Amino acid sequence: MPVVEARRVTRLFPMAAGPIAALRDVSLRVDAGEYVAISGPSGCGKSTLLHLVGCVDQPTSGEILFEDRDVAVLSEAERSRIRLMRIGFVFQRFFLLPMLTARENIELPQAEAGAAAADRRARTRELLEYVGLADRADHLPSQLSGGEMQRVAIARALANRPALLVADEPTGELDEQTGEQVADVFDRVHADGTAILVVTHNPALAARASRRVTMKSGSLVS
């Protein structure tokens, strides 16, 4: 059963000289529990597709279905709820709030979802142990290494038990050894049944996915 499906989506961006097609007639399905990697050169539309699948943006034409719901007919509040509860986001540059500790960063989306304080604390302890950072709970991002910050970001993305984890170049800011540690966490997330869609230039990370697709000039080529 698909978690998310893009059906013949095109995304045009208006420019003074005429619209630019970031995506052209792209179809992609990610099933429950599947691990899919998207590779391709810079500027080929990978991140644009990720934004559509993540319900951050909407296509110019075509359909995005999330858990069999047409995203286009949902209100912004409903799309926001999907992003909060059903999709976890991991970015290249972590985007942790610098004034909050690792624990507080992970608790934040749970608080936004209305989870009780005791449940937030228990879930956060569980996630910090899951990513191997139980001893970093009270550290600020400035006190963490790049790999540690990314593992906190993954824990934050998993806080509300999403059906889909969406990651955009999650090892792009990391050295090879640290990137392998982050990739190991993704392997564990996949093994535990969460679907993953990752955009990456890192062939070692892409090779870990159960399916790999390649993009070029706004289209899927394999």
N, C-alpha and C. Protein backbone atom coordinates (compact mmCIF):
# COMPACT_ATOMS: atom_id res chain seq x y z
N MET A 1 0.84 -1.20 0.00
CA MET A 1 0.00 0.00 0.00
C MET A 1 0.88 1.25 0.00
N PRO A 2 0.60 2.22 -0.88
CA PRO A 2 1.46 3.40 -0.91
C PRO A 2 1.23 4.32 0.29
N VAL A 3 2.33 4.85 0.81
CA VAL A 3 2.24 5.95 1.78
C VAL A 3 2.00 7.24 1.00
N VAL A 4 2.77 7.41 -0.04
CA VAL A 4 2.63 8.62 -0.86
C VAL A 4 2.83 8.24 -2.32
N GLU A 5 2.12 8.94 -3.18
CA GLU A 5 2.22 8.68 -4.62
C GLU A 5 2.11 9.99 -5.38
N ALA A 6 3.10 10.22 -6.23
CA ALA A 6 3.05 11.33 -7.18
C ALA A 6 2.60 10.78 -8.52
N ARG A 7 1.56 11.39 -9.09
CA ARG A 7 1.03 10.92 -10.36
C ARG A 7 1.17 12.00 -11.42
N ARG A 8 2.12 11.79 -12.31
CA ARG A 8 2.34 12.67 -13.47
C ARG A 8 2.39 14.14 -13.06
N VAL A 9 3.25 14.44 -12.08
CA VAL A 9 3.32 15.81 -11.58
C VAL A 9 4.31 16.65 -12.39
N THR A 10 3.89 17.86 -12.64
CA THR A 10 4.74 18.88 -13.26
C THR A 10 4.74 20.07 -12.32
N ARG A 11 5.92 20.67 -12.15
CA ARG A 11 6.00 21.88 -11.31
C ARG A 11 6.72 22.97 -12.10
N LEU A 12 5.96 24.02 -12.41
CA LEU A 12 6.49 25.17 -13.13
C LEU A 12 6.71 26.32 -12.16
N PHE A 13 7.80 27.05 -12.36
CA PHE A 13 8.08 28.26 -11.58
C PHE A 13 8.11 29.44 -12.53
N PRO A 14 7.30 30.48 -12.25
CA PRO A 14 7.26 31.63 -13.16
C PRO A 14 8.57 32.42 -13.13
N MET A 15 9.02 32.80 -14.31
CA MET A 15 10.22 33.63 -14.47
C MET A 15 9.90 34.72 -15.48
N ALA A 16 10.69 35.78 -15.46
CA ALA A 16 10.45 36.91 -16.37
C ALA A 16 10.48 36.46 -17.83
N ALA A 17 11.38 35.54 -18.15
CA ALA A 17 11.52 35.07 -19.53
C ALA A 17 10.56 33.93 -19.87
N GLY A 18 9.74 33.54 -18.92
CA GLY A 18 8.81 32.44 -19.14
C GLY A 18 8.98 31.38 -18.07
N PRO A 19 7.98 30.52 -17.86
CA PRO A 19 8.04 29.53 -16.78
C PRO A 19 9.16 28.51 -16.97
N ILE A 20 9.76 28.13 -15.86
CA ILE A 20 10.79 27.10 -15.84
C ILE A 20 10.18 25.83 -15.25
N ALA A 21 10.36 24.71 -15.93
CA ALA A 21 9.83 23.44 -15.46
C ALA A 21 10.87 22.74 -14.58
N ALA A 22 10.61 22.75 -13.27
CA ALA A 22 11.50 22.03 -12.35
C ALA A 22 11.23 20.53 -12.41
N LEU A 23 9.97 20.15 -12.66
CA LEU A 23 9.57 18.75 -12.82
C LEU A 23 8.68 18.62 -14.03
N ARG A 24 8.84 17.51 -14.75
CA ARG A 24 8.05 17.27 -15.95
C ARG A 24 7.46 15.86 -15.90
N ASP A 25 6.15 15.77 -15.67
CA ASP A 25 5.43 14.50 -15.81
C ASP A 25 6.07 13.37 -14.99
N VAL A 26 6.32 13.64 -13.72
CA VAL A 26 7.01 12.68 -12.86
C VAL A 26 5.99 11.86 -12.06
N SER A 27 6.17 10.56 -12.07
CA SER A 27 5.36 9.66 -11.25
C SER A 27 6.28 8.85 -10.34
N LEU A 28 5.92 8.78 -9.06
CA LEU A 28 6.73 8.05 -8.09
C LEU A 28 5.83 7.58 -6.97
N ARG A 29 6.00 6.33 -6.57
CA ARG A 29 5.22 5.74 -5.47
C ARG A 29 6.18 5.21 -4.42
N VAL A 30 5.88 5.51 -3.16
CA VAL A 30 6.64 4.97 -2.04
C VAL A 30 5.67 4.19 -1.17
N ASP A 31 5.90 2.89 -1.06
CA ASP A 31 5.02 2.03 -0.29
C ASP A 31 5.36 2.05 1.20
N ALA A 32 4.43 1.61 2.01
CA ALA A 32 4.65 1.54 3.46
C ALA A 32 5.89 0.70 3.75
N GLY A 33 6.79 1.25 4.55
CA GLY A 33 7.99 0.54 4.94
C GLY A 33 9.10 0.51 3.91
N GLU A 34 8.89 1.13 2.75
CA GLU A 34 9.89 1.08 1.69
C GLU A 34 10.96 2.14 1.91
N TYR A 35 12.16 1.89 1.42
CA TYR A 35 13.31 2.81 1.52
C TYR A 35 13.74 3.15 0.10
N VAL A 36 13.50 4.39 -0.31
CA VAL A 36 13.76 4.82 -1.69
C VAL A 36 14.77 5.96 -1.66
N ALA A 37 15.77 5.88 -2.51
CA ALA A 37 16.77 6.95 -2.66
C ALA A 37 16.62 7.58 -4.04
N ILE A 38 16.67 8.90 -4.08
CA ILE A 38 16.64 9.66 -5.34
C ILE A 38 18.02 10.28 -5.54
N SER A 39 18.64 9.98 -6.68
CA SER A 39 19.94 10.53 -7.02
C SER A 39 19.83 11.30 -8.32
N GLY A 40 20.86 12.10 -8.60
CA GLY A 40 20.90 12.88 -9.83
C GLY A 40 21.69 14.15 -9.63
N PRO A 41 22.04 14.83 -10.71
CA PRO A 41 22.86 16.05 -10.60
C PRO A 41 22.11 17.18 -9.91
N SER A 42 22.87 18.15 -9.42
CA SER A 42 22.26 19.33 -8.80
C SER A 42 21.37 20.04 -9.81
N GLY A 43 20.21 20.52 -9.32
CA GLY A 43 19.30 21.27 -10.18
C GLY A 43 18.40 20.43 -11.05
N CYS A 44 18.36 19.11 -10.81
CA CYS A 44 17.55 18.24 -11.67
C CYS A 44 16.12 18.09 -11.18
N GLY A 45 15.79 18.67 -10.01
CA GLY A 45 14.42 18.61 -9.52
C GLY A 45 14.21 17.71 -8.32
N LYS A 46 15.28 17.16 -7.77
CA LYS A 46 15.15 16.22 -6.65
C LYS A 46 14.46 16.86 -5.45
N SER A 47 14.96 18.01 -5.04
CA SER A 47 14.39 18.66 -3.86
C SER A 47 12.98 19.16 -4.12
N THR A 48 12.71 19.60 -5.34
CA THR A 48 11.35 20.02 -5.70
C THR A 48 10.38 18.85 -5.53
N LEU A 49 10.77 17.67 -5.99
CA LEU A 49 9.93 16.49 -5.84
C LEU A 49 9.74 16.16 -4.36
N LEU A 50 10.80 16.29 -3.57
CA LEU A 50 10.70 16.03 -2.15
C LEU A 50 9.71 16.97 -1.47
N HIS A 51 9.72 18.24 -1.88
CA HIS A 51 8.79 19.21 -1.30
C HIS A 51 7.34 18.88 -1.66
N LEU A 52 7.13 18.37 -2.84
CA LEU A 52 5.77 17.98 -3.22
C LEU A 52 5.31 16.75 -2.43
N VAL A 53 6.17 15.75 -2.37
CA VAL A 53 5.84 14.53 -1.65
C VAL A 53 5.65 14.81 -0.16
N GLY A 54 6.41 15.78 0.36
CA GLY A 54 6.31 16.13 1.76
C GLY A 54 5.18 17.09 2.08
N CYS A 55 4.33 17.40 1.10
CA CYS A 55 3.16 18.28 1.28
C CYS A 55 3.57 19.69 1.68
N VAL A 56 4.79 20.09 1.30
CA VAL A 56 5.25 21.46 1.53
C VAL A 56 4.83 22.36 0.37
N ASP A 57 4.82 21.81 -0.84
CA ASP A 57 4.46 22.54 -2.05
C ASP A 57 3.41 21.71 -2.80
N GLN A 58 2.81 22.32 -3.82
CA GLN A 58 1.83 21.61 -4.63
C GLN A 58 2.22 21.70 -6.11
N PRO A 59 1.89 20.66 -6.88
CA PRO A 59 2.28 20.65 -8.29
C PRO A 59 1.45 21.62 -9.12
N THR A 60 2.02 22.04 -10.25
CA THR A 60 1.28 22.84 -11.22
C THR A 60 0.21 21.97 -11.89
N SER A 61 0.55 20.73 -12.15
CA SER A 61 -0.41 19.75 -12.66
C SER A 61 -0.04 18.38 -12.14
N GLY A 62 -0.98 17.46 -12.22
CA GLY A 62 -0.77 16.13 -11.66
C GLY A 62 -1.30 16.06 -10.24
N GLU A 63 -1.11 14.91 -9.60
CA GLU A 63 -1.67 14.66 -8.28
C GLU A 63 -0.61 14.16 -7.31
N ILE A 64 -0.75 14.58 -6.04
CA ILE A 64 -0.02 13.99 -4.93
C ILE A 64 -1.04 13.37 -4.00
N LEU A 65 -0.92 12.06 -3.77
CA LEU A 65 -1.80 11.37 -2.84
C LEU A 65 -0.98 10.93 -1.63
N PHE A 66 -1.40 11.35 -0.45
CA PHE A 66 -0.74 10.90 0.78
C PHE A 66 -1.72 10.03 1.55
N GLU A 67 -1.32 8.78 1.74
CA GLU A 67 -2.20 7.79 2.37
C GLU A 67 -3.60 7.83 1.74
N ASP A 68 -3.59 7.82 0.40
CA ASP A 68 -4.80 7.78 -0.43
C ASP A 68 -5.66 9.04 -0.37
N ARG A 69 -5.11 10.12 0.16
CA ARG A 69 -5.85 11.40 0.19
C ARG A 69 -5.20 12.36 -0.81
N ASP A 70 -6.01 12.95 -1.66
CA ASP A 70 -5.52 13.93 -2.63
C ASP A 70 -5.15 15.20 -1.87
N VAL A 71 -3.88 15.52 -1.84
CA VAL A 71 -3.39 16.65 -1.06
C VAL A 71 -4.00 17.97 -1.56
N ALA A 72 -4.29 18.06 -2.85
CA ALA A 72 -4.77 19.31 -3.44
C ALA A 72 -6.12 19.75 -2.86
N VAL A 73 -6.93 18.80 -2.42
CA VAL A 73 -8.27 19.16 -1.93
C VAL A 73 -8.27 19.40 -0.42
N LEU A 74 -7.13 19.25 0.23
CA LEU A 74 -7.06 19.47 1.67
C LEU A 74 -6.84 20.95 1.98
N SER A 75 -7.30 21.36 3.13
CA SER A 75 -7.04 22.72 3.59
C SER A 75 -5.59 22.83 4.04
N GLU A 76 -5.10 24.05 4.18
CA GLU A 76 -3.73 24.24 4.67
C GLU A 76 -3.58 23.67 6.08
N ALA A 77 -4.61 23.78 6.89
CA ALA A 77 -4.55 23.20 8.24
C ALA A 77 -4.41 21.69 8.18
N GLU A 78 -5.11 21.05 7.25
CA GLU A 78 -5.01 19.59 7.11
C GLU A 78 -3.64 19.19 6.60
N ARG A 79 -3.09 19.96 5.65
CA ARG A 79 -1.74 19.66 5.16
C ARG A 79 -0.71 19.87 6.26
N SER A 80 -0.90 20.89 7.07
CA SER A 80 0.02 21.13 8.19
C SER A 80 -0.03 19.97 9.18
N ARG A 81 -1.22 19.45 9.39
CA ARG A 81 -1.36 18.32 10.31
C ARG A 81 -0.66 17.08 9.78
N ILE A 82 -0.74 16.86 8.48
CA ILE A 82 -0.01 15.73 7.87
C ILE A 82 1.48 15.92 8.07
N ARG A 83 1.99 17.13 7.82
CA ARG A 83 3.42 17.39 7.99
C ARG A 83 3.87 17.20 9.43
N LEU A 84 3.01 17.53 10.36
CA LEU A 84 3.35 17.41 11.77
C LEU A 84 3.30 15.96 12.26
N MET A 85 2.27 15.24 11.85
CA MET A 85 1.99 13.93 12.43
C MET A 85 2.42 12.74 11.58
N ARG A 86 2.41 12.89 10.25
CA ARG A 86 2.60 11.73 9.39
C ARG A 86 3.90 11.74 8.60
N ILE A 87 4.59 12.90 8.56
CA ILE A 87 5.84 13.03 7.82
C ILE A 87 6.91 13.60 8.72
N GLY A 88 8.07 12.96 8.75
CA GLY A 88 9.22 13.50 9.46
C GLY A 88 10.22 14.04 8.46
N PHE A 89 10.79 15.21 8.74
CA PHE A 89 11.70 15.87 7.81
C PHE A 89 13.12 15.93 8.40
N VAL A 90 14.10 15.58 7.57
CA VAL A 90 15.51 15.69 7.93
C VAL A 90 16.19 16.48 6.82
N PHE A 91 16.97 17.49 7.22
CA PHE A 91 17.59 18.39 6.24
C PHE A 91 19.10 18.32 6.32
N GLN A 92 19.75 18.84 5.30
CA GLN A 92 21.21 18.82 5.24
C GLN A 92 21.82 19.61 6.40
N ARG A 93 21.21 20.74 6.75
CA ARG A 93 21.82 21.63 7.75
C ARG A 93 21.13 21.57 9.10
N PHE A 94 20.44 20.51 9.39
CA PHE A 94 19.94 20.15 10.71
C PHE A 94 18.75 21.00 11.16
N PHE A 95 18.88 22.32 11.14
CA PHE A 95 17.81 23.24 11.54
C PHE A 95 17.30 22.97 12.96
N LEU A 96 18.21 22.63 13.86
CA LEU A 96 17.85 22.58 15.28
C LEU A 96 17.75 24.00 15.81
N LEU A 97 16.84 24.23 16.75
CA LEU A 97 16.74 25.55 17.36
C LEU A 97 17.90 25.74 18.33
N PRO A 98 18.74 26.75 18.10
CA PRO A 98 20.00 26.85 18.85
C PRO A 98 19.84 27.13 20.34
N MET A 99 18.70 27.70 20.73
CA MET A 99 18.50 28.02 22.14
C MET A 99 17.89 26.87 22.93
N LEU A 100 17.57 25.78 22.25
CA LEU A 100 16.97 24.62 22.91
C LEU A 100 17.98 23.48 22.98
N THR A 101 17.90 22.70 24.04
CA THR A 101 18.74 21.52 24.17
C THR A 101 18.28 20.43 23.21
N ALA A 102 19.09 19.39 23.11
CA ALA A 102 18.69 18.25 22.27
C ALA A 102 17.33 17.73 22.70
N ARG A 103 17.14 17.56 23.99
CA ARG A 103 15.86 17.06 24.51
C ARG A 103 14.71 18.00 24.13
N GLU A 104 14.92 19.28 24.30
CA GLU A 104 13.86 20.25 24.01
C GLU A 104 13.53 20.31 22.52
N ASN A 105 14.56 20.16 21.67
CA ASN A 105 14.31 20.14 20.23
C ASN A 105 13.43 18.95 19.85
N ILE A 106 13.64 17.82 20.49
CA ILE A 106 12.86 16.62 20.17
C ILE A 106 11.44 16.72 20.76
N GLU A 107 11.32 17.38 21.89
CA GLU A 107 10.00 17.53 22.51
C GLU A 107 9.11 18.51 21.76
N LEU A 108 9.71 19.46 21.05
CA LEU A 108 8.93 20.54 20.45
C LEU A 108 7.81 20.05 19.52
N PRO A 109 8.09 19.20 18.52
CA PRO A 109 6.98 18.76 17.65
C PRO A 109 5.93 17.95 18.40
N GLN A 110 6.33 17.30 19.48
CA GLN A 110 5.35 16.57 20.28
C GLN A 110 4.42 17.54 21.01
N ALA A 111 5.00 18.64 21.51
CA ALA A 111 4.18 19.67 22.15
C ALA A 111 3.21 20.29 21.15
N GLU A 112 3.70 20.53 19.92
CA GLU A 112 2.84 21.09 18.88
C GLU A 112 1.69 20.14 18.54
N ALA A 113 1.94 18.84 18.70
CA ALA A 113 0.91 17.84 18.41
C ALA A 113 -0.04 17.64 19.58
N GLY A 114 0.25 18.29 20.71
CA GLY A 114 -0.64 18.20 21.86
C GLY A 114 -0.36 17.04 22.80
N ALA A 115 0.82 16.43 22.71
CA ALA A 115 1.16 15.31 23.59
C ALA A 115 1.33 15.80 25.03
N ALA A 116 0.94 14.99 25.98
CA ALA A 116 1.09 15.33 27.39
C ALA A 116 2.56 15.38 27.76
N ALA A 117 2.90 16.19 28.76
CA ALA A 117 4.29 16.40 29.15
C ALA A 117 4.99 15.09 29.51
N ALA A 118 4.32 14.24 30.27
CA ALA A 118 4.94 12.98 30.66
C ALA A 118 5.20 12.09 29.45
N ASP A 119 4.28 12.08 28.50
CA ASP A 119 4.46 11.29 27.28
C ASP A 119 5.60 11.86 26.44
N ARG A 120 5.71 13.18 26.39
CA ARG A 120 6.81 13.81 25.63
C ARG A 120 8.16 13.41 26.23
N ARG A 121 8.25 13.47 27.53
CA ARG A 121 9.53 13.14 28.18
C ARG A 121 9.90 11.69 27.93
N ALA A 122 8.92 10.80 28.03
CA ALA A 122 9.20 9.37 27.82
C ALA A 122 9.60 9.10 26.38
N ARG A 123 8.89 9.68 25.43
CA ARG A 123 9.21 9.48 24.02
C ARG A 123 10.59 10.05 23.69
N THR A 124 10.92 11.19 24.26
CA THR A 124 12.21 11.82 23.98
C THR A 124 13.35 10.98 24.54
N ARG A 125 13.20 10.45 25.75
CA ARG A 125 14.23 9.56 26.30
C ARG A 125 14.43 8.35 25.39
N GLU A 126 13.31 7.79 24.93
CA GLU A 126 13.37 6.62 24.04
C GLU A 126 14.13 6.95 22.76
N LEU A 127 13.85 8.12 22.18
CA LEU A 127 14.48 8.49 20.91
C LEU A 127 15.96 8.83 21.08
N LEU A 128 16.31 9.48 22.17
CA LEU A 128 17.73 9.78 22.40
C LEU A 128 18.53 8.50 22.56
N GLU A 129 17.96 7.52 23.22
CA GLU A 129 18.63 6.22 23.32
C GLU A 129 18.69 5.55 21.94
N TYR A 130 17.63 5.69 21.18
CA TYR A 130 17.53 5.07 19.84
C TYR A 130 18.65 5.55 18.93
N VAL A 131 18.98 6.85 18.99
CA VAL A 131 20.03 7.40 18.12
C VAL A 131 21.38 7.48 18.83
N GLY A 132 21.49 6.89 20.01
CA GLY A 132 22.76 6.80 20.71
C GLY A 132 23.23 8.08 21.36
N LEU A 133 22.29 8.91 21.82
CA LEU A 133 22.66 10.21 22.38
C LEU A 133 22.00 10.45 23.74
N ALA A 134 21.77 9.40 24.50
CA ALA A 134 21.14 9.56 25.82
C ALA A 134 21.95 10.48 26.72
N ASP A 135 23.27 10.50 26.53
CA ASP A 135 24.13 11.34 27.38
C ASP A 135 24.29 12.76 26.85
N ARG A 136 23.56 13.11 25.79
CA ARG A 136 23.64 14.47 25.23
C ARG A 136 22.31 15.22 25.36
N ALA A 137 21.42 14.71 26.16
CA ALA A 137 20.07 15.27 26.23
C ALA A 137 20.04 16.74 26.56
N ASP A 138 20.92 17.20 27.45
CA ASP A 138 20.89 18.58 27.91
C ASP A 138 21.94 19.46 27.23
N HIS A 139 22.49 18.99 26.13
CA HIS A 139 23.46 19.77 25.36
C HIS A 139 22.74 20.64 24.33
N LEU A 140 23.22 21.86 24.18
CA LEU A 140 22.75 22.72 23.11
C LEU A 140 23.36 22.27 21.79
N PRO A 141 22.75 22.62 20.65
CA PRO A 141 23.35 22.26 19.36
C PRO A 141 24.80 22.70 19.22
N SER A 142 25.15 23.85 19.77
CA SER A 142 26.53 24.35 19.67
C SER A 142 27.51 23.48 20.42
N GLN A 143 27.02 22.61 21.29
CA GLN A 143 27.88 21.71 22.06
C GLN A 143 27.93 20.31 21.45
N LEU A 144 27.31 20.16 20.29
CA LEU A 144 27.26 18.85 19.62
C LEU A 144 28.07 18.87 18.34
N SER A 145 28.57 17.71 17.93
CA SER A 145 29.23 17.58 16.63
C SER A 145 28.18 17.57 15.53
N GLY A 146 28.62 17.68 14.28
CA GLY A 146 27.70 17.64 13.16
C GLY A 146 26.90 16.35 13.12
N GLY A 147 27.57 15.23 13.33
CA GLY A 147 26.87 13.95 13.32
C GLY A 147 25.87 13.84 14.44
N GLU A 148 26.22 14.36 15.62
CA GLU A 148 25.30 14.34 16.74
C GLU A 148 24.08 15.21 16.46
N MET A 149 24.31 16.39 15.88
CA MET A 149 23.18 17.26 15.54
C MET A 149 22.24 16.57 14.55
N GLN A 150 22.81 15.86 13.58
CA GLN A 150 21.95 15.20 12.61
C GLN A 150 21.17 14.05 13.24
N ARG A 151 21.78 13.37 14.18
CA ARG A 151 21.05 12.29 14.86
C ARG A 151 19.94 12.86 15.74
N VAL A 152 20.17 14.02 16.36
CA VAL A 152 19.09 14.69 17.09
C VAL A 152 17.98 15.08 16.12
N ALA A 153 18.36 15.58 14.94
CA ALA A 153 17.37 15.97 13.94
C ALA A 153 16.54 14.77 13.48
N ILE A 154 17.17 13.61 13.35
CA ILE A 154 16.43 12.40 12.99
C ILE A 154 15.46 12.02 14.11
N ALA A 155 15.95 12.10 15.35
CA ALA A 155 15.07 11.80 16.49
C ALA A 155 13.88 12.76 16.51
N ARG A 156 14.14 14.03 16.26
CA ARG A 156 13.04 15.00 16.21
C ARG A 156 12.05 14.64 15.10
N ALA A 157 12.56 14.21 13.94
CA ALA A 157 11.69 13.85 12.82
C ALA A 157 10.82 12.64 13.15
N LEU A 158 11.30 11.78 14.02
CA LEU A 158 10.57 10.57 14.40
C LEU A 158 9.65 10.77 15.60
N ALA A 159 9.65 11.97 16.17
CA ALA A 159 9.01 12.20 17.47
C ALA A 159 7.54 11.81 17.48
N ASN A 160 6.82 12.12 16.40
CA ASN A 160 5.38 11.85 16.36
C ASN A 160 5.03 10.57 15.60
N ARG A 161 6.02 9.68 15.48
CA ARG A 161 5.84 8.37 14.83
C ARG A 161 5.28 8.51 13.41
N PRO A 162 6.00 9.17 12.51
CA PRO A 162 5.50 9.39 11.16
C PRO A 162 5.44 8.10 10.35
N ALA A 163 4.62 8.13 9.31
CA ALA A 163 4.58 7.02 8.35
C ALA A 163 5.71 7.11 7.34
N LEU A 164 6.19 8.35 7.12
CA LEU A 164 7.20 8.60 6.09
C LEU A 164 8.26 9.53 6.64
N LEU A 165 9.53 9.15 6.45
CA LEU A 165 10.66 10.01 6.77
C LEU A 165 11.23 10.53 5.46
N VAL A 166 11.26 11.85 5.31
CA VAL A 166 11.75 12.51 4.11
C VAL A 166 13.07 13.19 4.45
N ALA A 167 14.11 12.89 3.70
CA ALA A 167 15.44 13.44 4.01
C ALA A 167 16.08 14.04 2.77
N ASP A 168 16.57 15.26 2.91
CA ASP A 168 17.20 15.98 1.80
C ASP A 168 18.69 16.15 2.09
N GLU A 169 19.52 15.37 1.42
CA GLU A 169 20.98 15.39 1.58
C GLU A 169 21.39 15.28 3.07
N PRO A 170 20.93 14.24 3.78
CA PRO A 170 21.17 14.18 5.22
C PRO A 170 22.62 14.00 5.62
N THR A 171 23.49 13.56 4.69
CA THR A 171 24.91 13.42 5.01
C THR A 171 25.76 14.47 4.31
N GLY A 172 25.11 15.46 3.70
CA GLY A 172 25.83 16.44 2.90
C GLY A 172 26.80 17.30 3.66
N GLU A 173 26.57 17.50 4.97
CA GLU A 173 27.45 18.34 5.80
C GLU A 173 28.42 17.51 6.63
N LEU A 174 28.46 16.20 6.40
CA LEU A 174 29.20 15.31 7.29
C LEU A 174 30.37 14.65 6.58
N ASP A 175 31.41 14.29 7.35
CA ASP A 175 32.51 13.53 6.78
C ASP A 175 32.06 12.08 6.58
N GLU A 176 32.91 11.31 5.93
CA GLU A 176 32.51 9.95 5.53
C GLU A 176 32.15 9.08 6.72
N GLN A 177 32.98 9.10 7.76
CA GLN A 177 32.73 8.23 8.91
C GLN A 177 31.45 8.64 9.64
N THR A 178 31.26 9.94 9.83
CA THR A 178 30.06 10.42 10.50
C THR A 178 28.82 10.15 9.66
N GLY A 179 28.97 10.30 8.33
CA GLY A 179 27.87 9.99 7.43
C GLY A 179 27.45 8.54 7.53
N GLU A 180 28.41 7.64 7.72
CA GLU A 180 28.09 6.23 7.89
C GLU A 180 27.27 5.99 9.15
N GLN A 181 27.59 6.73 10.22
CA GLN A 181 26.82 6.58 11.46
C GLN A 181 25.37 7.02 11.26
N VAL A 182 25.19 8.11 10.54
CA VAL A 182 23.84 8.58 10.25
C VAL A 182 23.12 7.58 9.35
N ALA A 183 23.82 7.05 8.36
CA ALA A 183 23.22 6.04 7.47
C ALA A 183 22.79 4.81 8.26
N ASP A 184 23.56 4.45 9.29
CA ASP A 184 23.18 3.31 10.13
C ASP A 184 21.84 3.57 10.84
N VAL A 185 21.62 4.83 11.25
CA VAL A 185 20.35 5.17 11.90
C VAL A 185 19.21 5.02 10.90
N PHE A 186 19.42 5.47 9.66
CA PHE A 186 18.38 5.30 8.64
C PHE A 186 18.08 3.82 8.41
N ASP A 187 19.11 2.98 8.40
CA ASP A 187 18.89 1.55 8.25
C ASP A 187 17.99 1.01 9.36
N ARG A 188 18.24 1.49 10.57
CA ARG A 188 17.44 1.02 11.70
C ARG A 188 16.00 1.50 11.58
N VAL A 189 15.82 2.76 11.18
CA VAL A 189 14.47 3.31 11.00
C VAL A 189 13.71 2.48 9.97
N HIS A 190 14.39 2.14 8.87
CA HIS A 190 13.78 1.32 7.83
C HIS A 190 13.42 -0.07 8.36
N ALA A 191 14.34 -0.67 9.09
CA ALA A 191 14.10 -2.00 9.64
C ALA A 191 12.91 -2.01 10.60
N ASP A 192 12.67 -0.88 11.24
CA ASP A 192 11.56 -0.77 12.18
C ASP A 192 10.23 -0.44 11.50
N GLY A 193 10.24 -0.30 10.16
CA GLY A 193 8.99 -0.22 9.42
C GLY A 193 8.56 1.14 8.94
N THR A 194 9.38 2.17 9.15
CA THR A 194 9.04 3.51 8.65
C THR A 194 9.51 3.65 7.20
N ALA A 195 8.66 4.15 6.33
CA ALA A 195 9.06 4.41 4.95
C ALA A 195 10.04 5.58 4.92
N ILE A 196 11.01 5.51 4.02
CA ILE A 196 12.02 6.57 3.90
C ILE A 196 12.13 6.96 2.43
N LEU A 197 12.17 8.26 2.19
CA LEU A 197 12.49 8.80 0.88
C LEU A 197 13.63 9.79 1.07
N VAL A 198 14.79 9.48 0.51
CA VAL A 198 15.97 10.30 0.73
C VAL A 198 16.52 10.78 -0.60
N VAL A 199 16.84 12.06 -0.66
CA VAL A 199 17.56 12.65 -1.78
C VAL A 199 19.02 12.74 -1.37
N THR A 200 19.92 12.22 -2.21
CA THR A 200 21.32 12.21 -1.83
C THR A 200 22.25 12.18 -3.04
N HIS A 201 23.40 12.85 -2.87
CA HIS A 201 24.51 12.72 -3.81
C HIS A 201 25.48 11.63 -3.35
N ASN A 202 25.24 11.07 -2.18
CA ASN A 202 26.15 10.13 -1.56
C ASN A 202 25.84 8.72 -2.05
N PRO A 203 26.70 8.14 -2.91
CA PRO A 203 26.39 6.81 -3.46
C PRO A 203 26.35 5.72 -2.39
N ALA A 204 27.13 5.88 -1.31
CA ALA A 204 27.12 4.88 -0.25
C ALA A 204 25.78 4.87 0.47
N LEU A 205 25.21 6.05 0.69
CA LEU A 205 23.89 6.13 1.32
C LEU A 205 22.81 5.60 0.38
N ALA A 206 22.86 6.00 -0.89
CA ALA A 206 21.87 5.54 -1.86
C ALA A 206 21.88 4.02 -2.01
N ALA A 207 23.06 3.43 -1.89
CA ALA A 207 23.18 1.97 -2.06
C ALA A 207 22.49 1.21 -0.95
N ARG A 208 22.25 1.85 0.17
CA ARG A 208 21.57 1.18 1.29
C ARG A 208 20.05 1.09 1.08
N ALA A 209 19.52 1.90 0.20
CA ALA A 209 18.07 1.90 -0.03
C ALA A 209 17.63 0.62 -0.72
N SER A 210 16.38 0.24 -0.52
CA SER A 210 15.85 -0.94 -1.18
C SER A 210 15.51 -0.66 -2.63
N ARG A 211 15.34 0.63 -2.98
CA ARG A 211 15.10 1.01 -4.38
C ARG A 211 15.75 2.36 -4.63
N ARG A 212 16.36 2.49 -5.79
CA ARG A 212 17.04 3.74 -6.15
C ARG A 212 16.50 4.25 -7.47
N VAL A 213 16.14 5.52 -7.52
CA VAL A 213 15.69 6.14 -8.76
C VAL A 213 16.61 7.31 -9.08
N THR A 214 16.74 7.60 -10.36
CA THR A 214 17.64 8.64 -10.82
C THR A 214 16.85 9.70 -11.57
N MET A 215 17.18 10.96 -11.32
CA MET A 215 16.53 12.08 -12.00
C MET A 215 17.53 12.83 -12.87
N LYS A 216 16.99 13.42 -13.93
CA LYS A 216 17.79 14.26 -14.81
C LYS A 216 16.87 15.26 -15.47
N SER A 217 17.20 16.54 -15.38
CA SER A 217 16.47 17.60 -16.07
C SER A 217 14.96 17.55 -15.78
N GLY A 218 14.62 17.32 -14.50
CA GLY A 218 13.23 17.38 -14.10
C GLY A 218 12.41 16.13 -14.36
N SER A 219 13.07 15.05 -14.79
CA SER A 219 12.34 13.81 -15.09
C SER A 219 13.03 12.62 -14.42
N LEU A 220 12.26 11.58 -14.15
CA LEU A 220 12.84 10.32 -13.70
C LEU A 220 13.37 9.58 -14.92
N VAL A 221 14.63 9.17 -14.85
CA VAL A 221 15.23 8.47 -15.99
C VAL A 221 15.48 7.00 -15.69
N SER A 222 15.37 6.60 -14.44
CA SER A 222 15.51 5.17 -14.10
C SER A 222 14.88 4.93 -12.76
